[in-house]
Amino acid sequence: MNETLRTNFSNRLQTAADAKKALLEKFKPKPAVVDPNFESREVAKAAELKQVRADRADERAAARQLAADKIQAAEQAIADSAAAVLSLKRGATKERKALSAAEAKAKRDSKYAARKARN
Protein backbone atom coordinates (compact mmCIF):
# COMPACT_ATOMS: atom_id res chain seq x y z
CA MET A 1 0.00 0.00 0.00
CA ASN A 2 1.19 3.47 -0.83
CA GLU A 3 1.41 5.45 2.39
CA THR A 4 2.44 8.66 0.68
CA LEU A 5 -1.13 9.24 -0.54
CA ARG A 6 -2.50 8.66 2.95
CA THR A 7 -5.38 6.50 1.74
CA ASN A 8 -7.39 4.57 4.19
CA PHE A 9 -10.08 1.94 3.67
CA SER A 10 -13.00 4.36 3.40
CA ASN A 11 -11.10 6.43 0.80
CA ARG A 12 -10.44 3.33 -1.27
CA LEU A 13 -14.12 2.33 -1.05
CA GLN A 14 -15.14 5.83 -2.13
CA THR A 15 -12.69 5.74 -5.05
CA ALA A 16 -14.01 2.36 -6.15
CA ALA A 17 -17.62 3.61 -5.93
CA ASP A 18 -16.70 6.71 -7.96
CA ALA A 19 -15.04 4.56 -10.60
CA LYS A 20 -18.07 2.30 -10.77
CA LYS A 21 -20.35 5.33 -11.04
CA ALA A 22 -18.24 6.76 -13.88
CA LEU A 23 -18.37 3.42 -15.67
CA LEU A 24 -22.15 3.34 -15.37
CA GLU A 25 -22.42 6.95 -16.60
CA LYS A 26 -21.03 5.85 -19.98
CA PHE A 27 -24.08 3.65 -20.53
CA LYS A 28 -26.71 6.26 -19.62
CA PRO A 29 -28.49 7.91 -22.53
CA LYS A 30 -27.20 11.34 -23.35
CA PRO A 31 -29.48 14.24 -24.23
CA ALA A 32 -30.01 14.28 -27.99
CA VAL A 33 -29.74 17.35 -30.14
CA VAL A 34 -32.92 17.93 -32.13
CA ASP A 35 -32.29 18.10 -35.85
CA PRO A 36 -33.61 21.38 -37.29
CA ASN A 37 -34.69 19.53 -40.48
CA PHE A 38 -36.67 16.94 -38.54
CA GLU A 39 -40.12 18.11 -39.72
CA SER A 40 -39.10 18.48 -43.35
CA ARG A 41 -37.48 15.06 -43.24
CA GLU A 42 -40.67 13.57 -41.81
CA VAL A 43 -42.73 15.23 -44.56
CA ALA A 44 -40.36 13.92 -47.23
CA LYS A 45 -40.45 10.45 -45.69
CA ALA A 46 -44.26 10.48 -45.59
CA ALA A 47 -44.42 11.62 -49.23
CA GLU A 48 -41.99 8.88 -50.26
CA LEU A 49 -44.03 6.29 -48.37
CA LYS A 50 -47.20 7.53 -50.05
CA GLN A 51 -45.53 7.27 -53.47
CA VAL A 52 -44.27 3.74 -52.76
CA ARG A 53 -47.75 2.67 -51.67
CA ALA A 54 -49.30 4.20 -54.79
CA ASP A 55 -46.75 2.42 -57.00
CA ARG A 56 -47.44 -0.89 -55.31
CA ALA A 57 -51.19 -0.39 -55.68
CA ASP A 58 -50.69 0.33 -59.39
CA GLU A 59 -48.59 -2.81 -59.76
CA ARG A 60 -51.25 -4.90 -58.02
CA ALA A 61 -53.97 -3.40 -60.22
CA ALA A 62 -51.92 -4.12 -63.34
CA ALA A 63 -51.34 -7.70 -62.20
CA ARG A 64 -55.07 -8.15 -61.53
CA GLN A 65 -55.92 -6.73 -64.95
CA LEU A 66 -53.38 -9.02 -66.62
CA ALA A 67 -54.84 -12.04 -64.81
CA ALA A 68 -58.37 -10.98 -65.79
CA ASP A 69 -57.27 -10.58 -69.42
CA LYS A 70 -55.69 -14.04 -69.39
CA ILE A 71 -58.84 -15.56 -67.92
CA GLN A 72 -61.00 -13.77 -70.48
CA ALA A 73 -58.76 -14.95 -73.32
CA ALA A 74 -58.92 -18.52 -72.02
CA GLU A 75 -62.70 -18.34 -71.71
CA GLN A 76 -62.93 -16.93 -75.24
CA ALA A 77 -60.71 -19.73 -76.56
CA ILE A 78 -62.89 -22.30 -74.79
CA ALA A 79 -66.04 -20.69 -76.17
CA ASP A 80 -64.55 -20.60 -79.68
CA SER A 81 -63.50 -24.21 -79.32
CA ALA A 82 -66.94 -25.21 -78.07
CA ALA A 83 -68.54 -23.30 -80.96
CA ALA A 84 -66.24 -25.07 -83.42
CA VAL A 85 -67.07 -28.46 -81.92
CA LEU A 86 -70.76 -27.64 -81.99
CA SER A 87 -70.47 -26.48 -85.60
CA LEU A 88 -68.70 -29.72 -86.52
CA LYS A 89 -71.38 -31.76 -84.80
CA ARG A 90 -74.12 -29.82 -86.56
CA GLY A 91 -72.34 -30.25 -89.88
CA ALA A 92 -72.01 -33.99 -89.30
CA THR A 93 -75.68 -34.22 -88.35
CA LYS A 94 -76.75 -32.29 -91.47
CA GLU A 95 -74.55 -34.47 -93.65
CA ARG A 96 -75.93 -37.65 -92.07
CA LYS A 97 -79.50 -36.44 -92.58
CA ALA A 98 -78.75 -35.49 -96.18
CA LEU A 99 -77.32 -38.98 -96.82
CA SER A 100 -80.32 -40.58 -95.15
CA ALA A 101 -82.65 -38.47 -97.27
CA ALA A 102 -80.72 -39.38 -100.42
CA GLU A 103 -80.81 -43.09 -99.53
CA ALA A 104 -84.53 -42.89 -98.80
CA LYS A 105 -85.13 -41.15 -102.14
CA ALA A 106 -83.05 -43.75 -103.97
CA LYS A 107 -85.00 -46.55 -102.26
CA ARG A 108 -88.32 -44.91 -103.19
CA ASP A 109 -87.17 -44.42 -106.76
CA SER A 110 -86.11 -48.06 -107.03
CA LYS A 111 -89.48 -49.23 -105.69
CA TYR A 112 -91.27 -46.94 -108.12
CA ALA A 113 -89.16 -48.26 -111.00
CA ALA A 114 -89.84 -51.87 -109.96
CA ARG A 115 -93.56 -51.18 -109.74
CA LYS A 116 -93.55 -49.56 -113.19
CA ALA A 117 -91.59 -52.48 -114.57
CA ARG A 118 -94.18 -54.92 -113.26
CA ASN A 119 -97.10 -53.06 -114.77
C-alpha atoms as a PDB file:
ATOM      1  CA  MET A   1       0.000   0.000   0.000  1.00  0.00           C
ATOM      2  CA  ASN A   2       1.188   3.474  -0.833  1.00  0.00           C
ATOM      3  CA  GLU A   3       1.409   5.445   2.389  1.00  0.00           C
ATOM      4  CA  THR A   4       2.436   8.664   0.679  1.00  0.00           C
ATOM      5  CA  LEU A   5      -1.129   9.235  -0.537  1.00  0.00           C
ATOM      6  CA  ARG A   6      -2.504   8.663   2.947  1.00  0.00           C
ATOM      7  CA  THR A   7      -5.379   6.498   1.739  1.00  0.00           C
ATOM      8  CA  ASN A   8      -7.387   4.572   4.195  1.00  0.00           C
ATOM      9  CA  PHE A   9     -10.085   1.942   3.672  1.00  0.00           C
ATOM     10  CA  SER A  10     -13.000   4.362   3.397  1.00  0.00           C
ATOM     11  CA  ASN A  11     -11.096   6.433   0.796  1.00  0.00           C
ATOM     12  CA  ARG A  12     -10.440   3.328  -1.266  1.00  0.00           C
ATOM     13  CA  LEU A  13     -14.120   2.335  -1.051  1.00  0.00           C
ATOM     14  CA  GLN A  14     -15.142   5.834  -2.130  1.00  0.00           C
ATOM     15  CA  THR A  15     -12.695   5.741  -5.050  1.00  0.00           C
ATOM     16  CA  ALA A  16     -14.012   2.358  -6.149  1.00  0.00           C
ATOM     17  CA  ALA A  17     -17.621   3.613  -5.932  1.00  0.00           C
ATOM     18  CA  ASP A  18     -16.696   6.712  -7.958  1.00  0.00           C
ATOM     19  CA  ALA A  19     -15.036   4.559 -10.598  1.00  0.00           C
ATOM     20  CA  LYS A  20     -18.065   2.299 -10.770  1.00  0.00           C
ATOM     21  CA  LYS A  21     -20.354   5.329 -11.036  1.00  0.00           C
ATOM     22  CA  ALA A  22     -18.236   6.762 -13.880  1.00  0.00           C
ATOM     23  CA  LEU A  23     -18.367   3.419 -15.665  1.00  0.00           C
ATOM     24  CA  LEU A  24     -22.154   3.339 -15.373  1.00  0.00           C
ATOM     25  CA  GLU A  25     -22.423   6.947 -16.599  1.00  0.00           C
ATOM     26  CA  LYS A  26     -21.031   5.847 -19.981  1.00  0.00           C
ATOM     27  CA  PHE A  27     -24.083   3.653 -20.529  1.00  0.00           C
ATOM     28  CA  LYS A  28     -26.706   6.257 -19.619  1.00  0.00           C
ATOM     29  CA  PRO A  29     -28.491   7.906 -22.532  1.00  0.00           C
ATOM     30  CA  LYS A  30     -27.203  11.341 -23.347  1.00  0.00           C
ATOM     31  CA  PRO A  31     -29.477  14.236 -24.233  1.00  0.00           C
ATOM     32  CA  ALA A  32     -30.010  14.282 -27.990  1.00  0.00           C
ATOM     33  CA  VAL A  33     -29.737  17.350 -30.140  1.00  0.00           C
ATOM     34  CA  VAL A  34     -32.925  17.933 -32.129  1.00  0.00           C
ATOM     35  CA  ASP A  35     -32.291  18.096 -35.855  1.00  0.00           C
ATOM     36  CA  PRO A  36     -33.607  21.376 -37.289  1.00  0.00           C
ATOM     37  CA  ASN A  37     -34.692  19.531 -40.478  1.00  0.00           C
ATOM     38  CA  PHE A  38     -36.675  16.945 -38.537  1.00  0.00           C
ATOM     39  CA  GLU A  39     -40.117  18.109 -39.719  1.00  0.00           C
ATOM     40  CA  SER A  40     -39.102  18.475 -43.351  1.00  0.00           C
ATOM     41  CA  ARG A  41     -37.476  15.062 -43.239  1.00  0.00           C
ATOM     42  CA  GLU A  42     -40.675  13.575 -41.812  1.00  0.00           C
ATOM     43  CA  VAL A  43     -42.729  15.230 -44.565  1.00  0.00           C
ATOM     44  CA  ALA A  44     -40.364  13.917 -47.234  1.00  0.00           C
ATOM     45  CA  LYS A  45     -40.447  10.451 -45.686  1.00  0.00           C
ATOM     46  CA  ALA A  46     -44.261  10.484 -45.586  1.00  0.00           C
ATOM     47  CA  ALA A  47     -44.419  11.624 -49.227  1.00  0.00           C
ATOM     48  CA  GLU A  48     -41.991   8.884 -50.265  1.00  0.00           C
ATOM     49  CA  LEU A  49     -44.031   6.293 -48.370  1.00  0.00           C
ATOM     50  CA  LYS A  50     -47.204   7.526 -50.049  1.00  0.00           C
ATOM     51  CA  GLN A  51     -45.528   7.271 -53.466  1.00  0.00           C
ATOM     52  CA  VAL A  52     -44.270   3.743 -52.762  1.00  0.00           C
ATOM     53  CA  ARG A  53     -47.753   2.668 -51.668  1.00  0.00           C
ATOM     54  CA  ALA A  54     -49.301   4.198 -54.788  1.00  0.00           C
ATOM     55  CA  ASP A  55     -46.746   2.423 -57.004  1.00  0.00           C
ATOM     56  CA  ARG A  56     -47.440  -0.894 -55.313  1.00  0.00           C
ATOM     57  CA  ALA A  57     -51.192  -0.388 -55.678  1.00  0.00           C
ATOM     58  CA  ASP A  58     -50.692   0.328 -59.388  1.00  0.00           C
ATOM     59  CA  GLU A  59     -48.586  -2.808 -59.763  1.00  0.00           C
ATOM     60  CA  ARG A  60     -51.251  -4.901 -58.024  1.00  0.00           C
ATOM     61  CA  ALA A  61     -53.971  -3.399 -60.221  1.00  0.00           C
ATOM     62  CA  ALA A  62     -51.919  -4.118 -63.339  1.00  0.00           C
ATOM     63  CA  ALA A  63     -51.341  -7.700 -62.199  1.00  0.00           C
ATOM     64  CA  ARG A  64     -55.072  -8.150 -61.529  1.00  0.00           C
ATOM     65  CA  GLN A  65     -55.916  -6.726 -64.949  1.00  0.00           C
ATOM     66  CA  LEU A  66     -53.383  -9.020 -66.618  1.00  0.00           C
ATOM     67  CA  ALA A  67     -54.841 -12.036 -64.813  1.00  0.00           C
ATOM     68  CA  ALA A  68     -58.365 -10.983 -65.785  1.00  0.00           C
ATOM     69  CA  ASP A  69     -57.272 -10.580 -69.420  1.00  0.00           C
ATOM     70  CA  LYS A  70     -55.691 -14.040 -69.394  1.00  0.00           C
ATOM     71  CA  ILE A  71     -58.839 -15.560 -67.916  1.00  0.00           C
ATOM     72  CA  GLN A  72     -61.002 -13.770 -70.475  1.00  0.00           C
ATOM     73  CA  ALA A  73     -58.755 -14.945 -73.321  1.00  0.00           C
ATOM     74  CA  ALA A  74     -58.918 -18.523 -72.023  1.00  0.00           C
ATOM     75  CA  GLU A  75     -62.702 -18.343 -71.709  1.00  0.00           C
ATOM     76  CA  GLN A  76     -62.931 -16.933 -75.236  1.00  0.00           C
ATOM     77  CA  ALA A  77     -60.712 -19.727 -76.556  1.00  0.00           C
ATOM     78  CA  ILE A  78     -62.889 -22.296 -74.794  1.00  0.00           C
ATOM     79  CA  ALA A  79     -66.035 -20.689 -76.168  1.00  0.00           C
ATOM     80  CA  ASP A  80     -64.551 -20.602 -79.680  1.00  0.00           C
ATOM     81  CA  SER A  81     -63.499 -24.215 -79.321  1.00  0.00           C
ATOM     82  CA  ALA A  82     -66.936 -25.205 -78.070  1.00  0.00           C
ATOM     83  CA  ALA A  83     -68.540 -23.305 -80.962  1.00  0.00           C
ATOM     84  CA  ALA A  84     -66.244 -25.068 -83.418  1.00  0.00           C
ATOM     85  CA  VAL A  85     -67.070 -28.458 -81.922  1.00  0.00           C
ATOM     86  CA  LEU A  86     -70.764 -27.637 -81.995  1.00  0.00           C
ATOM     87  CA  SER A  87     -70.472 -26.483 -85.600  1.00  0.00           C
ATOM     88  CA  LEU A  88     -68.695 -29.716 -86.523  1.00  0.00           C
ATOM     89  CA  LYS A  89     -71.380 -31.755 -84.798  1.00  0.00           C
ATOM     90  CA  ARG A  90     -74.120 -29.816 -86.559  1.00  0.00           C
ATOM     91  CA  GLY A  91     -72.339 -30.255 -89.883  1.00  0.00           C
ATOM     92  CA  ALA A  92     -72.010 -33.988 -89.302  1.00  0.00           C
ATOM     93  CA  THR A  93     -75.680 -34.216 -88.354  1.00  0.00           C
ATOM     94  CA  LYS A  94     -76.747 -32.294 -91.471  1.00  0.00           C
ATOM     95  CA  GLU A  95     -74.547 -34.472 -93.651  1.00  0.00           C
ATOM     96  CA  ARG A  96     -75.928 -37.646 -92.065  1.00  0.00           C
ATOM     97  CA  LYS A  97     -79.495 -36.435 -92.582  1.00  0.00           C
ATOM     98  CA  ALA A  98     -78.748 -35.492 -96.176  1.00  0.00           C
ATOM     99  CA  LEU A  99     -77.321 -38.980 -96.817  1.00  0.00           C
ATOM    100  CA  SER A 100     -80.316 -40.580 -95.151  1.00  0.00           C
ATOM    101  CA  ALA A 101     -82.649 -38.474 -97.266  1.00  0.00           C
ATOM    102  CA  ALA A 102     -80.723 -39.377-100.423  1.00  0.00           C
ATOM    103  CA  GLU A 103     -80.810 -43.085 -99.531  1.00  0.00           C
ATOM    104  CA  ALA A 104     -84.534 -42.893 -98.801  1.00  0.00           C
ATOM    105  CA  LYS A 105     -85.126 -41.151-102.137  1.00  0.00           C
ATOM    106  CA  ALA A 106     -83.045 -43.749-103.971  1.00  0.00           C
ATOM    107  CA  LYS A 107     -84.998 -46.546-102.255  1.00  0.00           C
ATOM    108  CA  ARG A 108     -88.325 -44.908-103.188  1.00  0.00           C
ATOM    109  CA  ASP A 109     -87.174 -44.416-106.763  1.00  0.00           C
ATOM    110  CA  SER A 110     -86.106 -48.063-107.032  1.00  0.00           C
ATOM    111  CA  LYS A 111     -89.480 -49.228-105.687  1.00  0.00           C
ATOM    112  CA  TYR A 112     -91.273 -46.942-108.124  1.00  0.00           C
ATOM    113  CA  ALA A 113     -89.157 -48.258-110.999  1.00  0.00           C
ATOM    114  CA  ALA A 114     -89.837 -51.866-109.964  1.00  0.00           C
ATOM    115  CA  ARG A 115     -93.558 -51.184-109.740  1.00  0.00           C
ATOM    116  CA  LYS A 116     -93.549 -49.564-113.193  1.00  0.00           C
ATOM    117  CA  ALA A 117     -91.592 -52.484-114.574  1.00  0.00           C
ATOM    118  CA  ARG A 118     -94.178 -54.923-113.256  1.00  0.00           C
ATOM    119  CA  ASN A 119     -97.101 -53.061-114.772  1.00  0.00           C
END
